[in-house]
N, C-alpha and C. Protein backbone atom coordinates (compact mmCIF):
# COMPACT_ATOMS: atom_id res chain seq x y z
N UNK A 1 20.98 310.03 111.01
CA UNK A 1 20.63 310.73 111.92
C UNK A 1 20.31 310.37 113.49
N UNK A 2 21.19 311.10 114.32
CA UNK A 2 20.68 310.91 115.78
C UNK A 2 20.35 311.90 116.77
N UNK A 3 19.32 311.95 117.14
CA UNK A 3 18.34 312.84 117.67
C UNK A 3 18.08 312.48 119.35
N UNK A 4 18.48 313.11 119.98
CA UNK A 4 18.38 313.44 121.55
C UNK A 4 17.09 314.35 121.91
N UNK A 5 16.12 313.78 122.72
CA UNK A 5 15.06 314.58 123.04
C UNK A 5 15.09 314.66 124.76
N UNK A 6 15.09 315.54 125.45
CA UNK A 6 14.99 315.74 126.58
C UNK A 6 13.95 316.98 127.12
N UNK A 7 13.73 316.73 128.15
CA UNK A 7 12.60 317.86 128.83
C UNK A 7 11.88 317.11 129.87
N UNK A 8 11.05 318.46 130.08
CA UNK A 8 10.10 317.80 131.40
C UNK A 8 8.82 317.01 130.86
N UNK A 9 8.75 316.24 132.17
CA UNK A 9 7.62 314.97 131.89
C UNK A 9 6.37 315.87 131.62
N UNK A 10 5.57 315.04 130.51
CA UNK A 10 4.62 315.40 129.74
C UNK A 10 4.60 317.05 129.09
N UNK A 11 5.77 317.16 128.54
CA UNK A 11 6.18 318.12 127.83
C UNK A 11 5.76 317.65 126.05
N UNK A 12 5.86 316.60 126.07
CA UNK A 12 5.70 316.04 124.55
C UNK A 12 6.64 315.15 123.71
N UNK A 13 7.65 314.79 124.77
CA UNK A 13 9.11 314.31 124.07
C UNK A 13 8.42 313.11 123.44
N UNK A 14 7.98 312.10 124.14
CA UNK A 14 7.57 311.23 123.41
C UNK A 14 6.95 311.01 122.03
N UNK A 15 5.76 311.69 122.01
CA UNK A 15 5.19 312.20 121.07
C UNK A 15 6.14 313.11 119.82
N UNK A 16 6.81 313.59 120.10
CA UNK A 16 7.78 314.07 119.24
C UNK A 16 8.84 313.02 118.75
N UNK A 17 9.38 312.42 119.47
CA UNK A 17 10.12 311.51 118.98
C UNK A 17 9.32 310.21 118.21
N UNK A 18 8.04 310.27 118.39
CA UNK A 18 7.35 309.20 117.51
C UNK A 18 7.30 309.92 115.80
N UNK A 19 6.93 311.06 116.19
CA UNK A 19 6.88 311.66 115.07
C UNK A 19 7.93 311.85 114.00
N UNK A 20 9.36 312.17 114.80
CA UNK A 20 10.76 312.15 114.21
C UNK A 20 11.09 310.94 113.77
N UNK A 21 10.57 309.93 114.10
CA UNK A 21 10.97 308.48 114.03
C UNK A 21 10.36 308.05 112.64
N UNK A 22 8.99 308.43 112.47
CA UNK A 22 8.45 308.17 111.13
C UNK A 22 8.89 308.94 110.12
N UNK A 23 9.26 310.48 110.45
CA UNK A 23 9.64 311.03 109.40
C UNK A 23 10.67 310.91 109.12
N UNK A 24 11.94 310.04 109.46
CA UNK A 24 13.16 309.98 109.09
C UNK A 24 13.10 308.45 108.81
N UNK A 25 12.38 307.65 109.25
CA UNK A 25 12.32 306.41 109.31
C UNK A 25 13.59 305.76 109.90
N UNK A 26 13.37 306.08 111.29
CA UNK A 26 14.82 305.81 111.91
C UNK A 26 14.42 305.25 113.48
N UNK A 27 14.89 304.10 114.03
CA UNK A 27 14.50 303.57 115.36
C UNK A 27 14.53 304.99 116.47
N UNK A 28 13.40 304.36 117.34
CA UNK A 28 13.20 305.39 118.60
C UNK A 28 13.17 304.32 119.94
N UNK A 29 14.00 305.10 120.67
CA UNK A 29 14.04 304.42 122.10
C UNK A 29 13.68 305.37 123.12
N UNK A 30 12.40 304.81 123.84
CA UNK A 30 11.58 305.64 124.80
C UNK A 30 12.53 305.06 126.23
N UNK A 31 13.25 306.13 126.89
CA UNK A 31 14.03 305.67 128.13
C UNK A 31 12.96 305.39 129.19
N UNK A 32 11.58 305.29 129.41
CA UNK A 32 11.17 304.93 130.31
C UNK A 32 10.79 303.60 130.12
N UNK A 33 10.94 303.15 128.99
CA UNK A 33 10.76 301.72 128.76
C UNK A 33 11.85 300.82 129.23
N UNK A 34 13.07 301.67 129.27
CA UNK A 34 13.98 301.09 129.78
C UNK A 34 14.30 300.95 131.34
N UNK A 35 13.75 302.05 131.65
CA UNK A 35 13.72 302.14 133.07
C UNK A 35 12.89 301.52 133.95
N UNK A 36 11.75 301.16 133.57
CA UNK A 36 10.90 300.49 134.16
C UNK A 36 10.23 298.99 133.20
N UNK A 37 10.12 298.23 133.94
CA UNK A 37 9.53 296.66 133.38
C UNK A 37 7.81 296.96 133.59
N UNK A 38 7.03 295.75 133.61
CA UNK A 38 5.97 296.02 134.03
C UNK A 38 5.54 296.22 135.35
N UNK A 39 4.45 296.93 135.46
CA UNK A 39 3.73 297.45 136.95
C UNK A 39 4.83 298.45 137.29
N UNK A 40 5.62 299.30 136.44
CA UNK A 40 6.03 300.16 136.91
C UNK A 40 7.69 299.68 137.98
N UNK A 41 7.90 298.47 137.55
CA UNK A 41 9.26 298.11 138.11
C UNK A 41 10.24 298.32 137.82
N UNK A 42 11.29 299.06 138.72
CA UNK A 42 12.79 299.08 137.95
C UNK A 42 13.43 298.08 137.29
N UNK A 43 13.93 298.45 136.21
CA UNK A 43 14.52 297.28 135.32
C UNK A 43 15.88 297.00 135.95
N UNK A 44 16.55 295.67 135.68
CA UNK A 44 17.81 295.66 136.41
C UNK A 44 18.73 296.88 135.60
N UNK A 45 19.48 297.50 136.58
CA UNK A 45 20.83 298.55 135.95
C UNK A 45 21.45 298.27 134.71
N UNK A 46 22.01 297.31 135.19
CA UNK A 46 23.03 296.49 134.10
C UNK A 46 22.48 296.05 132.84
N UNK A 47 21.40 295.23 132.72
CA UNK A 47 20.59 295.43 131.57
C UNK A 47 19.97 296.35 130.84
N UNK A 48 19.93 297.57 131.69
CA UNK A 48 18.75 298.48 131.16
C UNK A 48 20.28 299.37 130.55
N UNK A 49 21.05 299.16 131.15
CA UNK A 49 22.23 300.33 130.34
C UNK A 49 22.41 299.45 129.10
N UNK A 50 22.92 298.11 129.06
CA UNK A 50 23.04 297.55 127.83
C UNK A 50 22.16 297.91 126.65
N UNK A 51 20.93 298.04 127.14
CA UNK A 51 19.62 298.08 125.86
C UNK A 51 20.11 299.28 125.37
N UNK A 52 20.45 300.25 125.97
CA UNK A 52 20.80 301.64 125.68
C UNK A 52 21.90 301.79 124.85
N UNK A 53 23.23 301.20 125.46
CA UNK A 53 24.40 300.94 124.82
C UNK A 53 24.41 300.68 123.22
N UNK A 54 23.59 299.41 123.63
CA UNK A 54 23.66 298.89 122.18
C UNK A 54 22.45 299.50 120.90
N UNK A 55 21.42 299.85 121.23
CA UNK A 55 20.73 300.90 120.56
C UNK A 55 21.59 302.08 120.01
N UNK A 56 22.65 302.39 121.18
CA UNK A 56 23.31 303.86 120.60
C UNK A 56 24.21 303.50 119.38
N UNK A 57 24.53 302.01 119.28
CA UNK A 57 25.41 301.66 117.92
C UNK A 57 24.94 301.89 116.81
N UNK A 58 23.30 302.01 116.68
CA UNK A 58 22.71 302.20 115.34
C UNK A 58 23.13 303.37 114.78
N UNK A 59 23.30 303.59 113.26
CA UNK A 59 23.67 304.40 112.64
C UNK A 59 23.04 305.81 112.83
N UNK A 60 21.33 305.39 112.95
CA UNK A 60 20.76 306.69 113.44
C UNK A 60 19.37 306.15 114.27
N UNK A 61 19.07 307.08 114.95
CA UNK A 61 18.24 306.91 116.26
C UNK A 61 17.65 308.23 116.60
N UNK A 62 16.31 307.92 117.36
CA UNK A 62 15.96 308.96 118.62
C UNK A 62 15.76 308.19 119.82
N UNK A 63 16.36 309.17 120.66
CA UNK A 63 16.21 308.58 122.02
C UNK A 63 15.49 309.69 122.82
N UNK A 64 14.36 309.65 123.43
CA UNK A 64 13.38 310.06 124.32
C UNK A 64 13.79 309.89 125.69
N UNK A 65 14.51 310.71 126.79
CA UNK A 65 14.21 310.78 127.85
C UNK A 65 15.41 311.68 128.50
N UNK A 66 15.41 311.81 129.95
CA UNK A 66 16.54 312.18 130.62
C UNK A 66 17.31 311.62 131.33
N UNK A 67 17.02 310.42 131.53
CA UNK A 67 18.14 309.35 132.60
C UNK A 67 19.56 309.61 132.31
N UNK A 68 20.09 310.49 132.95
CA UNK A 68 21.37 310.91 132.83
C UNK A 68 22.32 309.18 132.81
N UNK A 69 21.97 308.59 133.94
CA UNK A 69 22.72 307.39 134.17
C UNK A 69 22.56 306.37 132.97
N UNK A 70 21.87 306.74 131.85
CA UNK A 70 21.95 305.78 130.35
C UNK A 70 22.47 306.78 129.41
N UNK A 71 23.96 306.91 129.87
CA UNK A 71 24.67 307.33 128.76
C UNK A 71 24.25 308.84 128.31
N UNK A 72 23.91 309.55 129.26
CA UNK A 72 23.20 311.10 128.61
C UNK A 72 24.40 311.63 128.15
N UNK A 73 25.62 311.81 128.96
CA UNK A 73 26.55 312.37 128.26
C UNK A 73 27.22 311.85 126.60
N UNK A 74 26.97 310.89 126.81
CA UNK A 74 27.52 310.16 125.17
C UNK A 74 26.55 310.22 124.37
N UNK A 75 25.24 310.16 124.60
CA UNK A 75 24.00 310.51 123.91
C UNK A 75 24.20 311.92 123.59
N UNK A 76 24.20 313.15 123.94
CA UNK A 76 24.81 314.36 123.86
C UNK A 76 25.52 314.49 122.92
N UNK A 77 26.76 313.87 123.21
CA UNK A 77 27.77 313.90 122.11
C UNK A 77 27.53 313.91 120.94
N UNK A 78 26.90 312.71 120.97
CA UNK A 78 27.36 311.94 119.56
C UNK A 78 25.92 312.32 118.70
N UNK A 79 24.82 313.05 119.60
CA UNK A 79 23.65 313.63 118.60
C UNK A 79 23.87 314.67 117.87
N UNK A 80 23.47 314.40 116.48
CA UNK A 80 23.25 315.49 115.66
C UNK A 80 22.40 316.69 115.92
N UNK A 81 21.38 316.18 116.63
CA UNK A 81 20.27 317.21 117.18
C UNK A 81 19.86 316.89 118.54
N UNK A 82 19.97 318.04 119.00
CA UNK A 82 19.66 318.00 120.70
C UNK A 82 18.11 318.95 120.70
N UNK A 83 17.14 318.32 121.18
CA UNK A 83 15.59 319.10 121.48
C UNK A 83 15.61 318.94 122.90
N UNK A 84 15.16 320.04 123.37
CA UNK A 84 14.87 320.30 124.73
C UNK A 84 13.19 320.76 124.56
N UNK A 85 12.61 320.01 125.32
CA UNK A 85 10.99 320.28 125.55
C UNK A 85 10.54 321.06 126.62
N UNK A 86 10.28 321.90 126.45
CA UNK A 86 9.77 323.00 127.73
C UNK A 86 8.50 323.58 127.64
N UNK A 87 7.95 323.81 129.07
CA UNK A 87 6.50 324.31 128.79
C UNK A 87 6.69 325.65 128.21
N UNK A 88 5.31 326.26 128.02
CA UNK A 88 5.29 327.83 127.55
C UNK A 88 5.49 328.74 128.85
């Protein structure tokens, strides 16, 4: 199963990703950890994209985040489930 979670900051994307990863026993990628390194410095773009690209080759995954430059179109096209987190 491939699950893409998108939505507003603070809407619960990471919490939901963590729960779904445990529930289905599948790996999770938090795109904030790809976008930023220690001290909130930006990760090298090419390296960051390669991390996401490699992760997407897994048979199953949960990917949490909105970053369009990290293969958003491809993530949404290959996802079995797309969840959009919004506030009430």
